[in-house]
Amino acid sequence: MALEPGGVIAWVILGLLAGWIAGKLTAGRGFGCLGNVAIGLAGAVIGGFIFSTLGIHGLAGFWGSLIIAVIGAAALVVVVNLITN
């Protein structure tokens, strides 16, 4: 499996969008650029795990990946807010 620069850039952009959207949906604020990327990327992993555990497959492409990442990132933001508050 080769790591292509375009793929890394796409995942960073996806992570930034997912983290920002999740921050707006759950906390009403973002976590800064790097925080949004980190939460979005972690959310993509969490969302992928959640969806695969539920047996939901087939969401592909940018929009499907963004939806999964936002759901995972929102779950992560809720957990972080519960822990920190």
N, C-alpha and C. Protein backbone atom coordinates (compact mmCIF):
# COMPACT_ATOMS: atom_id res chain seq x y z
N MET A 1 0.84 -1.17 0.00
CA MET A 1 0.00 0.00 0.00
C MET A 1 0.89 1.24 0.00
N ALA A 2 0.80 2.03 -1.03
CA ALA A 2 1.61 3.23 -1.16
C ALA A 2 0.88 4.44 -0.61
N LEU A 3 1.61 5.30 0.06
CA LEU A 3 1.04 6.53 0.59
C LEU A 3 1.29 7.63 -0.43
N GLU A 4 0.24 8.09 -1.06
CA GLU A 4 0.38 9.11 -2.09
C GLU A 4 0.11 10.49 -1.50
N PRO A 5 0.86 11.50 -1.93
CA PRO A 5 0.68 12.85 -1.38
C PRO A 5 -0.74 13.38 -1.56
N GLY A 6 -1.37 13.11 -2.68
CA GLY A 6 -2.74 13.57 -2.90
C GLY A 6 -3.69 12.97 -1.90
N GLY A 7 -3.45 11.72 -1.53
CA GLY A 7 -4.30 11.07 -0.53
C GLY A 7 -4.16 11.70 0.84
N VAL A 8 -2.93 12.04 1.20
CA VAL A 8 -2.68 12.67 2.50
C VAL A 8 -3.34 14.04 2.55
N ILE A 9 -3.21 14.80 1.49
CA ILE A 9 -3.83 16.13 1.44
C ILE A 9 -5.35 16.01 1.52
N ALA A 10 -5.90 15.04 0.83
CA ALA A 10 -7.35 14.83 0.86
C ALA A 10 -7.82 14.47 2.27
N TRP A 11 -7.07 13.62 2.98
CA TRP A 11 -7.45 13.24 4.34
C TRP A 11 -7.33 14.41 5.30
N VAL A 12 -6.33 15.27 5.11
CA VAL A 12 -6.19 16.46 5.96
C VAL A 12 -7.37 17.41 5.73
N ILE A 13 -7.73 17.62 4.47
CA ILE A 13 -8.88 18.48 4.15
C ILE A 13 -10.16 17.87 4.71
N LEU A 14 -10.33 16.57 4.54
CA LEU A 14 -11.50 15.88 5.08
C LEU A 14 -11.52 15.98 6.60
N GLY A 15 -10.37 15.80 7.23
CA GLY A 15 -10.28 15.92 8.69
C GLY A 15 -10.62 17.32 9.17
N LEU A 16 -10.13 18.33 8.47
CA LEU A 16 -10.42 19.71 8.83
C LEU A 16 -11.91 19.98 8.73
N LEU A 17 -12.52 19.58 7.63
CA LEU A 17 -13.96 19.77 7.46
C LEU A 17 -14.77 19.01 8.50
N ALA A 18 -14.43 17.76 8.71
CA ALA A 18 -15.17 16.93 9.67
C ALA A 18 -15.03 17.48 11.08
N GLY A 19 -13.84 17.88 11.47
CA GLY A 19 -13.62 18.44 12.80
C GLY A 19 -14.36 19.75 13.00
N TRP A 20 -14.36 20.60 11.98
CA TRP A 20 -15.06 21.88 12.06
C TRP A 20 -16.57 21.66 12.16
N ILE A 21 -17.10 20.79 11.30
CA ILE A 21 -18.54 20.51 11.32
C ILE A 21 -18.94 19.89 12.66
N ALA A 22 -18.16 18.93 13.14
CA ALA A 22 -18.47 18.29 14.43
C ALA A 22 -18.41 19.31 15.56
N GLY A 23 -17.45 20.21 15.54
CA GLY A 23 -17.37 21.26 16.55
C GLY A 23 -18.59 22.15 16.54
N LYS A 24 -19.07 22.48 15.35
CA LYS A 24 -20.26 23.32 15.23
C LYS A 24 -21.51 22.57 15.68
N LEU A 25 -21.60 21.29 15.37
CA LEU A 25 -22.79 20.51 15.72
C LEU A 25 -22.88 20.20 17.21
N THR A 26 -21.75 20.00 17.85
CA THR A 26 -21.78 19.52 19.23
C THR A 26 -21.42 20.57 20.27
N ALA A 27 -20.42 21.36 20.02
CA ALA A 27 -19.94 22.28 21.05
C ALA A 27 -20.23 23.74 20.70
N GLY A 28 -20.61 24.00 19.45
CA GLY A 28 -20.87 25.36 19.04
C GLY A 28 -19.61 26.16 18.74
N ARG A 29 -18.45 25.52 18.77
CA ARG A 29 -17.20 26.20 18.46
C ARG A 29 -16.22 25.17 17.89
N GLY A 30 -15.19 25.68 17.26
CA GLY A 30 -14.16 24.80 16.74
C GLY A 30 -13.04 24.64 17.76
N PHE A 31 -12.03 23.90 17.38
CA PHE A 31 -10.89 23.64 18.26
C PHE A 31 -9.60 24.16 17.67
N GLY A 32 -9.67 25.11 16.77
CA GLY A 32 -8.51 25.59 16.07
C GLY A 32 -8.20 24.69 14.90
N CYS A 33 -7.38 25.15 14.00
CA CYS A 33 -7.09 24.41 12.77
C CYS A 33 -6.51 23.03 13.05
N LEU A 34 -5.46 22.97 13.84
CA LEU A 34 -4.83 21.67 14.12
C LEU A 34 -5.74 20.78 14.96
N GLY A 35 -6.47 21.36 15.89
CA GLY A 35 -7.40 20.59 16.70
C GLY A 35 -8.52 20.01 15.85
N ASN A 36 -9.04 20.82 14.91
CA ASN A 36 -10.08 20.33 14.00
C ASN A 36 -9.58 19.18 13.14
N VAL A 37 -8.37 19.30 12.63
CA VAL A 37 -7.81 18.23 11.81
C VAL A 37 -7.64 16.96 12.64
N ALA A 38 -7.09 17.11 13.85
CA ALA A 38 -6.88 15.93 14.70
C ALA A 38 -8.20 15.27 15.06
N ILE A 39 -9.19 16.06 15.45
CA ILE A 39 -10.50 15.50 15.80
C ILE A 39 -11.16 14.89 14.57
N GLY A 40 -11.04 15.56 13.44
CA GLY A 40 -11.63 15.03 12.21
C GLY A 40 -11.00 13.73 11.76
N LEU A 41 -9.68 13.64 11.83
CA LEU A 41 -8.99 12.41 11.43
C LEU A 41 -9.30 11.28 12.40
N ALA A 42 -9.27 11.58 13.69
CA ALA A 42 -9.64 10.56 14.68
C ALA A 42 -11.10 10.17 14.50
N GLY A 43 -11.92 11.15 14.19
CA GLY A 43 -13.34 10.88 13.94
C GLY A 43 -13.57 9.98 12.74
N ALA A 44 -12.73 10.14 11.73
CA ALA A 44 -12.84 9.27 10.56
C ALA A 44 -12.56 7.83 10.94
N VAL A 45 -11.56 7.63 11.78
CA VAL A 45 -11.24 6.27 12.24
C VAL A 45 -12.37 5.74 13.11
N ILE A 46 -12.84 6.56 14.06
CA ILE A 46 -13.93 6.14 14.94
C ILE A 46 -15.19 5.88 14.15
N GLY A 47 -15.53 6.77 13.22
CA GLY A 47 -16.71 6.59 12.39
C GLY A 47 -16.62 5.34 11.54
N GLY A 48 -15.45 5.08 10.97
CA GLY A 48 -15.25 3.86 10.19
C GLY A 48 -15.44 2.62 11.04
N PHE A 49 -14.92 2.66 12.27
CA PHE A 49 -15.09 1.53 13.19
C PHE A 49 -16.57 1.33 13.53
N ILE A 50 -17.26 2.43 13.86
CA ILE A 50 -18.68 2.34 14.22
C ILE A 50 -19.50 1.76 13.07
N PHE A 51 -19.30 2.29 11.87
CA PHE A 51 -20.08 1.84 10.72
C PHE A 51 -19.76 0.40 10.35
N SER A 52 -18.48 0.01 10.44
CA SER A 52 -18.14 -1.37 10.09
C SER A 52 -18.66 -2.33 11.16
N THR A 53 -18.67 -1.91 12.43
CA THR A 53 -19.22 -2.75 13.50
C THR A 53 -20.72 -2.96 13.31
N LEU A 54 -21.40 -1.93 12.82
CA LEU A 54 -22.84 -2.04 12.57
C LEU A 54 -23.14 -2.77 11.26
N GLY A 55 -22.10 -3.11 10.51
CA GLY A 55 -22.29 -3.83 9.26
C GLY A 55 -22.69 -2.94 8.10
N ILE A 56 -22.48 -1.64 8.25
CA ILE A 56 -22.83 -0.69 7.19
C ILE A 56 -21.59 -0.44 6.35
N HIS A 57 -21.66 -0.86 5.11
CA HIS A 57 -20.54 -0.69 4.17
C HIS A 57 -21.07 -0.06 2.90
N GLY A 58 -20.20 0.42 2.08
CA GLY A 58 -20.59 0.89 0.76
C GLY A 58 -20.64 2.40 0.62
N LEU A 59 -20.52 3.16 1.73
CA LEU A 59 -20.45 4.61 1.58
C LEU A 59 -19.04 4.94 1.11
N ALA A 60 -18.94 5.41 -0.10
CA ALA A 60 -17.62 5.66 -0.65
C ALA A 60 -17.56 7.08 -1.18
N GLY A 61 -16.40 7.46 -1.57
CA GLY A 61 -16.21 8.78 -2.13
C GLY A 61 -16.08 9.84 -1.06
N PHE A 62 -15.94 11.05 -1.51
CA PHE A 62 -15.71 12.18 -0.61
C PHE A 62 -16.87 12.39 0.35
N TRP A 63 -18.09 12.44 -0.16
CA TRP A 63 -19.25 12.76 0.67
C TRP A 63 -19.53 11.66 1.69
N GLY A 64 -19.44 10.42 1.27
CA GLY A 64 -19.64 9.32 2.21
C GLY A 64 -18.59 9.31 3.29
N SER A 65 -17.34 9.54 2.91
CA SER A 65 -16.26 9.61 3.89
C SER A 65 -16.44 10.79 4.83
N LEU A 66 -16.90 11.91 4.30
CA LEU A 66 -17.13 13.09 5.14
C LEU A 66 -18.24 12.82 6.15
N ILE A 67 -19.32 12.19 5.74
CA ILE A 67 -20.42 11.88 6.65
C ILE A 67 -19.95 10.96 7.77
N ILE A 68 -19.22 9.92 7.41
CA ILE A 68 -18.70 8.98 8.42
C ILE A 68 -17.73 9.69 9.36
N ALA A 69 -16.86 10.53 8.82
CA ALA A 69 -15.89 11.25 9.66
C ALA A 69 -16.59 12.23 10.59
N VAL A 70 -17.62 12.92 10.11
CA VAL A 70 -18.35 13.87 10.95
C VAL A 70 -19.05 13.14 12.09
N ILE A 71 -19.68 12.01 11.80
CA ILE A 71 -20.36 11.24 12.85
C ILE A 71 -19.34 10.78 13.90
N GLY A 72 -18.22 10.26 13.45
CA GLY A 72 -17.19 9.82 14.39
C GLY A 72 -16.59 10.99 15.16
N ALA A 73 -16.34 12.10 14.49
CA ALA A 73 -15.77 13.27 15.16
C ALA A 73 -16.77 13.86 16.16
N ALA A 74 -18.05 13.87 15.81
CA ALA A 74 -19.07 14.37 16.74
C ALA A 74 -19.12 13.49 17.99
N ALA A 75 -19.03 12.18 17.80
CA ALA A 75 -18.99 11.27 18.95
C ALA A 75 -17.77 11.56 19.81
N LEU A 76 -16.64 11.79 19.18
CA LEU A 76 -15.41 12.10 19.92
C LEU A 76 -15.54 13.42 20.68
N VAL A 77 -16.12 14.45 20.05
CA VAL A 77 -16.27 15.74 20.71
C VAL A 77 -17.20 15.61 21.92
N VAL A 78 -18.27 14.83 21.79
CA VAL A 78 -19.19 14.62 22.92
C VAL A 78 -18.45 13.97 24.09
N VAL A 79 -17.66 12.97 23.80
CA VAL A 79 -16.90 12.28 24.85
C VAL A 79 -15.88 13.23 25.49
N VAL A 80 -15.17 14.00 24.67
CA VAL A 80 -14.19 14.95 25.20
C VAL A 80 -14.88 16.00 26.07
N ASN A 81 -16.05 16.49 25.63
CA ASN A 81 -16.78 17.48 26.42
C ASN A 81 -17.27 16.88 27.74
N LEU A 82 -17.67 15.63 27.73
CA LEU A 82 -18.11 14.98 28.97
C LEU A 82 -16.96 14.85 29.96
N ILE A 83 -15.77 14.54 29.43
CA ILE A 83 -14.60 14.35 30.28
C ILE A 83 -14.10 15.69 30.84
N THR A 84 -14.09 16.72 30.02
CA THR A 84 -13.50 18.00 30.42
C THR A 84 -14.46 18.89 31.20
N ASN A 85 -15.74 18.62 31.12
CA ASN A 85 -16.71 19.48 31.83
C ASN A 85 -17.17 18.87 33.10
